[in-house]
Protein backbone atom coordinates (compact mmCIF):
# COMPACT_ATOMS: atom_id res chain seq x y z
CA MET A 1 0.03 0.05 0.10
CA PRO A 2 1.67 3.43 -0.90
CA ARG A 3 2.26 5.74 2.06
CA GLY A 4 -0.85 8.06 2.59
CA ASP A 5 -3.56 6.04 0.62
CA LEU A 6 -6.44 5.71 3.11
CA ALA A 7 -8.62 4.20 0.63
CA ASN A 8 -6.90 0.91 1.00
CA ILE A 9 -7.61 0.67 4.63
CA THR A 10 -10.13 -1.69 5.41
CA LYS A 11 -12.20 -2.07 8.33
CA GLU A 12 -10.54 -5.33 8.99
CA THR A 13 -7.43 -3.73 9.03
CA LEU A 14 -7.97 -0.63 11.14
CA ALA A 15 -10.47 -1.62 13.55
CA PRO A 16 -8.05 -3.74 15.84
CA ILE A 17 -5.58 -0.62 16.24
CA TRP A 18 -8.45 1.68 16.36
CA GLY A 19 -9.96 -0.08 19.39
CA ARG A 20 -6.52 -0.07 21.28
CA HIS A 21 -6.14 3.12 23.37
CA ASP A 22 -2.67 2.70 23.92
CA ILE A 23 -2.01 3.73 20.43
CA PRO A 24 -2.43 7.16 19.95
CA ILE A 25 -4.23 8.44 16.65
CA ARG A 26 -0.94 10.47 16.11
CA VAL A 27 1.15 7.21 16.01
CA MET A 28 -0.97 5.32 13.61
CA ALA A 29 -1.41 8.50 11.44
CA ASP A 30 2.61 8.79 11.27
CA ALA A 31 2.71 5.26 10.47
CA LEU A 32 0.17 5.56 7.51
CA GLY A 33 1.85 8.77 6.30
CA VAL A 34 -1.31 10.86 6.73
CA SER A 35 -2.62 13.35 9.46
CA ARG A 36 -4.63 12.35 12.47
CA GLN A 37 -7.91 13.88 11.03
CA ALA A 38 -7.51 11.60 8.09
CA VAL A 39 -7.41 8.70 10.19
CA SER A 40 -10.36 9.69 12.27
CA GLN A 41 -12.18 10.48 9.34
CA ARG A 42 -11.51 7.12 7.71
CA ALA A 43 -12.48 5.22 10.90
CA ARG A 44 -15.58 7.09 11.07
CA ALA A 45 -16.18 6.25 7.07
CA LEU A 46 -15.96 2.58 8.20
CA GLY A 47 -18.40 2.89 10.86
CA LEU A 48 -16.01 2.23 13.69
CA PRO A 49 -16.94 4.01 16.78
CA SER A 50 -15.38 7.10 18.32
CA ARG A 51 -12.41 6.36 20.87
CA GLU A 52 -14.20 8.54 23.11
CA LYS A 53 -17.33 6.35 23.16
CA VAL A 54 -15.37 3.15 23.36
CA ARG A 55 -13.47 4.00 26.43
CA ILE A 56 -16.45 5.26 28.13
CA LYS A 57 -18.09 2.18 27.59
CA LEU A 58 -15.34 -0.07 29.10
CA SER A 59 -15.41 1.56 32.24
CA ARG A 60 -16.79 -1.27 34.64
CA ASP A 61 -20.52 -0.45 35.60
CA ASP A 62 -19.87 -2.23 39.17
CA GLU A 63 -16.94 -0.17 39.82
CA PHE A 64 -18.90 2.97 38.98
CA ARG A 65 -21.67 1.98 41.14
CA ARG A 66 -19.50 1.58 44.10
CA LEU A 67 -17.66 5.01 43.86
CA TRP A 68 -20.94 7.00 43.21
CA LEU A 69 -22.41 5.38 46.15
CA ALA A 70 -19.45 5.60 48.53
CA GLY A 71 -20.23 9.54 47.62
CA VAL A 72 -16.99 9.79 45.64
CA SER A 73 -16.54 13.57 43.93
CA THR A 74 -17.55 13.59 40.54
CA LYS A 75 -14.53 15.25 39.56
CA ASP A 76 -12.52 12.40 40.98
CA ILE A 77 -14.87 9.73 39.32
CA ALA A 78 -14.46 11.62 35.91
CA ALA A 79 -10.50 11.57 36.27
CA HIS A 80 -10.30 8.03 37.13
CA PHE A 81 -12.57 6.85 34.57
CA GLY A 82 -10.90 9.04 31.84
CA TYR A 83 -14.05 11.21 31.26
CA ARG A 84 -13.45 14.26 29.47
CA SER A 85 -15.74 16.41 31.75
CA HIS A 86 -17.06 15.57 35.16
CA SER A 87 -20.49 16.49 34.02
CA CYS A 88 -20.59 13.09 31.77
CA ILE A 89 -20.90 11.57 35.43
CA THR A 90 -24.24 12.74 35.69
CA VAL A 91 -25.42 11.14 32.32
CA ARG A 92 -23.77 8.01 33.29
CA ARG A 93 -25.44 7.95 36.70
CA ARG A 94 -29.01 8.24 35.38
CA GLY A 95 -27.96 5.47 32.60
CA LEU A 96 -27.32 3.25 35.77
CA GLY A 97 -30.27 4.31 37.68
CA LEU A 98 -28.44 5.63 40.32
CA PRO A 99 -29.96 8.30 43.11
CA PRO A 100 -28.74 11.94 42.58
CA ARG A 101 -26.63 13.56 44.89
CA THR A 102 -28.02 16.01 47.30
CA ARG A 103 -26.52 19.71 48.20
CA SER A 104 -25.01 20.13 51.70
CA LYS A 105 -26.88 22.86 53.84
CA GLY A 106 -23.54 23.14 55.80
CA GLY A 107 -21.50 23.84 52.86
CA GLY A 108 -19.79 20.37 52.24
CA ARG A 109 -16.94 19.55 49.89
CA CYS A 110 -18.09 21.43 46.52
CA GLY A 111 -21.53 22.17 48.07
CA TRP A 112 -22.54 18.35 47.93
CA ALA A 113 -23.39 16.31 51.13
CA GLU A 114 -21.20 13.51 51.87
CA THR A 115 -18.49 13.34 49.07
CA ILE A 116 -15.04 11.85 49.69
CA THR A 117 -12.06 11.85 47.47
CA LEU A 118 -10.73 8.93 45.68
CA THR A 119 -8.07 8.56 47.65
CA GLU A 120 -10.43 8.48 51.00
CA PHE A 121 -12.34 5.90 49.06
CA ARG A 122 -9.30 3.83 48.56
CA GLU A 123 -8.56 4.07 52.23
CA VAL A 124 -11.96 2.86 53.28
CA GLU A 125 -11.53 0.00 50.94
CA LEU A 126 -8.14 -0.79 51.87
CA ALA A 127 -9.09 -0.92 55.77
CA ARG A 128 -12.24 -3.16 54.82
CA LYS A 129 -9.99 -5.74 53.13
CA MET A 130 -7.65 -5.83 55.61
CA LYS A 131 -10.52 -6.54 58.33
CA GLU A 132 -11.71 -8.89 56.06
CA ALA A 133 -8.37 -10.64 55.68
CA ALA A 134 -7.82 -10.60 59.43
CA ALA A 135 -11.09 -12.27 59.91
CA CYS A 136 -10.04 -15.26 57.94
CA VAL A 137 -7.14 -15.96 59.90
């Protein structure tokens, strides 16, 4: 295939590397001798899903539920799952049928009642696992 000829790239050829998020589009484009936009346009023309949507779908529902129900802040959840914006968390929460957060009257973290950081969540989870392990001994 001559360099820069995207017309010869088939769905079977592009799909496996398109789905690998450890390979940046820039690297794909450099290897093909075309621009990033050309690779994205070819993927779209071949009917491949956007990489953003695929990454979001790959995040596990059970982990999202645990983080949400534990009160982890939306900014921390967004960063953990690689969402572009913390406002995407509301859409995901609704899609999973999770309850909304309530505003705090006492001025809690970011105005929301009972939110914790991801670090605090991990500390609580570690303590729980250690307690379970100690009970098994």
